C-alpha atoms as a PDB file:
ATOM      1  CA  MET A   1      28.143  28.719 -69.404  1.00  0.00           C
ATOM      2  CA  SER A   2      26.002  29.389 -66.287  1.00  0.00           C
ATOM      3  CA  ALA A   3      23.075  27.304 -67.908  1.00  0.00           C
ATOM      4  CA  ARG A   4      25.561  24.397 -68.531  1.00  0.00           C
ATOM      5  CA  VAL A   5      26.853  24.751 -65.209  1.00  0.00           C
ATOM      6  CA  ARG A   6      24.171  24.606 -63.403  1.00  0.00           C
ATOM      7  CA  ARG A   7      22.884  21.774 -65.017  1.00  0.00           C
ATOM      8  CA  SER A   8      26.156  20.018 -64.611  1.00  0.00           C
ATOM      9  CA  LEU A   9      25.549  20.492 -60.895  1.00  0.00           C
ATOM     10  CA  LEU A  10      22.259  18.895 -60.774  1.00  0.00           C
ATOM     11  CA  ALA A  11      23.060  16.216 -62.854  1.00  0.00           C
ATOM     12  CA  ASP A  12      25.799  14.851 -60.094  1.00  0.00           C
ATOM     13  CA  GLY A  13      23.026  15.457 -57.647  1.00  0.00           C
ATOM     14  CA  VAL A  14      23.553  19.363 -55.641  1.00  0.00           C
ATOM     15  CA  THR A  15      20.354  20.218 -54.371  1.00  0.00           C
ATOM     16  CA  ALA A  16      19.053  23.292 -56.637  1.00  0.00           C
ATOM     17  CA  GLU A  17      19.413  25.489 -53.626  1.00  0.00           C
ATOM     18  CA  ALA A  18      23.014  24.986 -53.926  1.00  0.00           C
ATOM     19  CA  ALA A  19      23.784  24.809 -57.808  1.00  0.00           C
ATOM     20  CA  GLU A  20      22.372  28.301 -57.638  1.00  0.00           C
ATOM     21  CA  GLU A  21      24.416  29.320 -54.855  1.00  0.00           C
ATOM     22  CA  LEU A  22      27.531  28.245 -56.886  1.00  0.00           C
ATOM     23  CA  VAL A  23      26.568  29.355 -60.303  1.00  0.00           C
ATOM     24  CA  SER A  24      26.213  33.079 -58.469  1.00  0.00           C
ATOM     25  CA  ILE A  25      29.138  32.487 -56.805  1.00  0.00           C
ATOM     26  CA  MET A  26      30.670  31.748 -60.636  1.00  0.00           C
ATOM     27  CA  LEU A  27      29.185  34.972 -62.094  1.00  0.00           C
ATOM     28  CA  ALA A  28      30.258  37.227 -59.061  1.00  0.00           C
ATOM     29  CA  HIS A  29      33.614  36.257 -58.896  1.00  0.00           C
ATOM     30  CA  LEU A  30      33.777  35.723 -63.478  1.00  0.00           C
ATOM     31  CA  ALA A  31      31.782  40.118 -62.872  1.00  0.00           C
ATOM     32  CA  THR A  32      34.831  41.251 -60.511  1.00  0.00           C
ATOM     33  CA  ALA A  33      37.877  39.538 -62.290  1.00  0.00           C
ATOM     34  CA  GLY A  34      39.722  41.429 -65.308  1.00  0.00           C
ATOM     35  CA  ARG A  35      40.936  39.200 -67.789  1.00  0.00           C
ATOM     36  CA  ASP A  36      44.233  38.876 -66.638  1.00  0.00           C
ATOM     37  CA  GLY A  37      42.241  37.492 -63.521  1.00  0.00           C
ATOM     38  CA  ALA A  38      43.114  40.212 -61.487  1.00  0.00           C
ATOM     39  CA  ARG A  39      40.497  41.533 -58.904  1.00  0.00           C
ATOM     40  CA  ARG A  40      38.053  44.579 -59.801  1.00  0.00           C
ATOM     41  CA  GLU A  41      37.259  45.587 -57.119  1.00  0.00           C
ATOM     42  CA  PRO A  42      36.460  48.732 -55.274  1.00  0.00           C
ATOM     43  CA  PRO A  43      39.453  49.751 -52.300  1.00  0.00           C
ATOM     44  CA  GLY A  44      38.221  48.419 -49.005  1.00  0.00           C
ATOM     45  CA  ALA A  45      35.327  46.104 -50.379  1.00  0.00           C
ATOM     46  CA  LEU A  46      34.630  42.937 -48.725  1.00  0.00           C
ATOM     47  CA  GLU A  47      33.822  40.086 -50.828  1.00  0.00           C
ATOM     48  CA  GLN A  48      31.133  38.345 -50.527  1.00  0.00           C
ATOM     49  CA  THR A  49      33.303  34.811 -49.991  1.00  0.00           C
ATOM     50  CA  ARG A  50      34.791  36.775 -46.957  1.00  0.00           C
ATOM     51  CA  ALA A  51      31.707  38.162 -46.185  1.00  0.00           C
ATOM     52  CA  ARG A  52      30.090  34.491 -45.954  1.00  0.00           C
ATOM     53  CA  MET A  53      32.202  32.955 -43.723  1.00  0.00           C
ATOM     54  CA  VAL A  54      32.188  35.466 -41.159  1.00  0.00           C
ATOM     55  CA  THR A  55      28.288  35.015 -41.247  1.00  0.00           C
ATOM     56  CA  ASP A  56      27.922  31.978 -41.194  1.00  0.00           C
ATOM     57  CA  ARG A  57      30.675  31.725 -38.251  1.00  0.00           C
ATOM     58  CA  VAL A  58      28.346  33.594 -36.260  1.00  0.00           C
ATOM     59  CA  HIS A  59      25.060  31.804 -37.303  1.00  0.00           C
ATOM     60  CA  GLY A  60      26.843  28.523 -35.993  1.00  0.00           C
ATOM     61  CA  ALA A  61      27.759  30.164 -32.822  1.00  0.00           C
ATOM     62  CA  PRO A  62      25.368  33.279 -32.242  1.00  0.00           C
ATOM     63  CA  PHE A  63      26.090  32.946 -28.608  1.00  0.00           C
ATOM     64  CA  ASP A  64      29.965  32.344 -28.455  1.00  0.00           C
ATOM     65  CA  GLN A  65      32.583  35.422 -28.711  1.00  0.00           C
ATOM     66  CA  HIS A  66      32.796  37.295 -31.726  1.00  0.00           C
ATOM     67  CA  SER A  67      35.527  39.496 -30.923  1.00  0.00           C
ATOM     68  CA  LEU A  68      35.856  42.100 -33.922  1.00  0.00           C
ATOM     69  CA  GLY A  69      39.424  40.763 -33.802  1.00  0.00           C
ATOM     70  CA  ASP A  70      38.724  36.839 -34.121  1.00  0.00           C
ATOM     71  CA  LEU A  71      36.243  38.132 -36.693  1.00  0.00           C
ATOM     72  CA  ALA A  72      38.670  39.958 -38.655  1.00  0.00           C
ATOM     73  CA  ALA A  73      41.807  37.716 -38.333  1.00  0.00           C
ATOM     74  CA  ALA A  74      39.291  34.762 -39.963  1.00  0.00           C
ATOM     75  CA  VAL A  75      38.916  36.742 -42.987  1.00  0.00           C
ATOM     76  CA  HIS A  76      42.644  37.774 -42.725  1.00  0.00           C
ATOM     77  CA  LEU A  77      42.165  41.653 -42.425  1.00  0.00           C
ATOM     78  CA  SER A  78      42.859  44.303 -39.826  1.00  0.00           C
ATOM     79  CA  PRO A  79      40.070  44.854 -37.142  1.00  0.00           C
ATOM     80  CA  TYR A  80      39.723  48.347 -38.535  1.00  0.00           C
ATOM     81  CA  HIS A  81      39.681  47.477 -41.993  1.00  0.00           C
ATOM     82  CA  PHE A  82      37.005  45.018 -41.563  1.00  0.00           C
ATOM     83  CA  LEU A  83      34.938  46.795 -40.053  1.00  0.00           C
ATOM     84  CA  ARG A  84      34.548  49.035 -42.795  1.00  0.00           C
ATOM     85  CA  ALA A  85      34.655  46.788 -45.387  1.00  0.00           C
ATOM     86  CA  PHE A  86      31.980  44.370 -43.378  1.00  0.00           C
ATOM     87  CA  THR A  87      29.669  47.103 -42.751  1.00  0.00           C
ATOM     88  CA  ARG A  88      29.747  48.298 -46.634  1.00  0.00           C
ATOM     89  CA  ALA A  89      29.260  44.873 -47.489  1.00  0.00           C
ATOM     90  CA  VAL A  90      26.526  43.664 -44.961  1.00  0.00           C
ATOM     91  CA  GLY A  91      25.001  46.638 -44.330  1.00  0.00           C
ATOM     92  CA  VAL A  92      25.360  46.875 -40.435  1.00  0.00           C
ATOM     93  CA  THR A  93      28.602  46.631 -38.349  1.00  0.00           C
ATOM     94  CA  PRO A  94      29.845  42.943 -37.387  1.00  0.00           C
ATOM     95  CA  HIS A  95      28.145  44.000 -34.073  1.00  0.00           C
ATOM     96  CA  ARG A  96      24.601  44.824 -34.679  1.00  0.00           C
ATOM     97  CA  TYR A  97      24.846  42.236 -36.788  1.00  0.00           C
ATOM     98  CA  VAL A  98      26.009  39.673 -34.125  1.00  0.00           C
ATOM     99  CA  ALA A  99      23.393  40.848 -31.612  1.00  0.00           C
ATOM    100  CA  ALA A 100      20.873  40.282 -34.169  1.00  0.00           C
ATOM    101  CA  VAL A 101      21.823  36.957 -34.851  1.00  0.00           C
ATOM    102  CA  ARG A 102      21.280  36.415 -31.492  1.00  0.00           C
ATOM    103  CA  ALA A 103      18.358  37.921 -30.851  1.00  0.00           C
ATOM    104  CA  GLU A 104      17.013  36.070 -33.524  1.00  0.00           C
ATOM    105  CA  ARG A 105      17.871  32.664 -32.339  1.00  0.00           C
ATOM    106  CA  LEU A 106      16.642  33.903 -28.881  1.00  0.00           C
ATOM    107  CA  ARG A 107      13.277  34.509 -30.165  1.00  0.00           C
ATOM    108  CA  ARG A 108      13.117  31.400 -32.185  1.00  0.00           C
ATOM    109  CA  LEU A 109      13.659  29.305 -28.816  1.00  0.00           C
ATOM    110  CA  LEU A 110      11.233  30.902 -26.939  1.00  0.00           C
ATOM    111  CA  ALA A 111       8.752  30.401 -29.563  1.00  0.00           C
ATOM    112  CA  ARG A 112       8.849  26.975 -28.706  1.00  0.00           C
ATOM    113  CA  ASP A 113       6.172  25.310 -26.250  1.00  0.00           C
ATOM    114  CA  GLY A 114       6.894  25.532 -23.294  1.00  0.00           C
ATOM    115  CA  ALA A 115       9.632  27.408 -23.326  1.00  0.00           C
ATOM    116  CA  THR A 116      10.944  29.796 -20.543  1.00  0.00           C
ATOM    117  CA  VAL A 117      13.439  32.277 -20.280  1.00  0.00           C
ATOM    118  CA  ALA A 118      15.311  30.738 -18.091  1.00  0.00           C
ATOM    119  CA  SER A 119      15.458  27.384 -20.290  1.00  0.00           C
ATOM    120  CA  VAL A 120      16.638  29.202 -22.712  1.00  0.00           C
ATOM    121  CA  ALA A 121      19.079  31.416 -21.553  1.00  0.00           C
ATOM    122  CA  GLU A 122      20.047  27.554 -20.218  1.00  0.00           C
ATOM    123  CA  LEU A 123      20.276  26.193 -23.858  1.00  0.00           C
ATOM    124  CA  ALA A 124      21.927  29.627 -25.036  1.00  0.00           C
ATOM    125  CA  GLY A 125      24.626  29.157 -22.284  1.00  0.00           C
ATOM    126  CA  ILE A 126      23.802  32.931 -21.166  1.00  0.00           C
ATOM    127  CA  ASP A 127      22.376  34.640 -17.764  1.00  0.00           C
ATOM    128  CA  PRO A 128      18.162  35.144 -17.948  1.00  0.00           C
ATOM    129  CA  ARG A 129      18.348  38.352 -18.059  1.00  0.00           C
ATOM    130  CA  HIS A 130      20.741  38.803 -20.303  1.00  0.00           C
ATOM    131  CA  VAL A 131      18.114  37.634 -22.379  1.00  0.00           C
ATOM    132  CA  ARG A 132      16.031  39.737 -21.302  1.00  0.00           C
ATOM    133  CA  ARG A 133      18.178  42.575 -22.433  1.00  0.00           C
ATOM    134  CA  LEU A 134      18.648  41.683 -26.373  1.00  0.00           C
ATOM    135  CA  HIS A 135      15.119  41.045 -26.442  1.00  0.00           C
ATOM    136  CA  ARG A 136      14.306  44.573 -25.186  1.00  0.00           C
ATOM    137  CA  GLN A 137      16.609  45.954 -27.188  1.00  0.00           C
ATOM    138  CA  GLU A 138      15.785  44.102 -30.589  1.00  0.00           C
ATOM    139  CA  LEU A 139      12.056  45.347 -29.992  1.00  0.00           C
ATOM    140  CA  GLY A 140      12.767  48.641 -29.242  1.00  0.00           C
ATOM    141  CA  ILE A 141      11.658  48.573 -26.085  1.00  0.00           C
ATOM    142  CA  ARG A 142      12.628  50.916 -23.099  1.00  0.00           C
ATOM    143  CA  ARG A 143      12.960  50.948 -19.456  1.00  0.00           C
ATOM    144  CA  ARG A 144      10.790  52.849 -17.602  1.00  0.00           C
ATOM    145  CA  PRO A 145      12.278  55.175 -15.718  1.00  0.00           C
END
């Protein structure tokens, strides 16, 4: 069945990557659904589509304010439940995930030719000291006493 769906998507002009993603989502849904259509996820699990909604939101605007309450509200969960479910699904807390995405974006911006900390900070809309602090935290560099 998945091969037929994949061929149909490719015939309709969908890219191979998008077709693979759609087929994997379909297979995940089928694997977690019972005969009656009821979901068979363990209690507290954050389904992949909800996790993807949150991670896409963070990747789309990494320097926006992403509070736990806002992210939880985006997937219609309480903040405490969302924190546990996101950590279980992704492997890190939402705060660490947002910090890692921001650090990676900063690293890419800093790797450009002629990029300075000040220019990257202005582009990201944050304070230059924050850029340095995020960079140090992600690299594990401690300040001298």
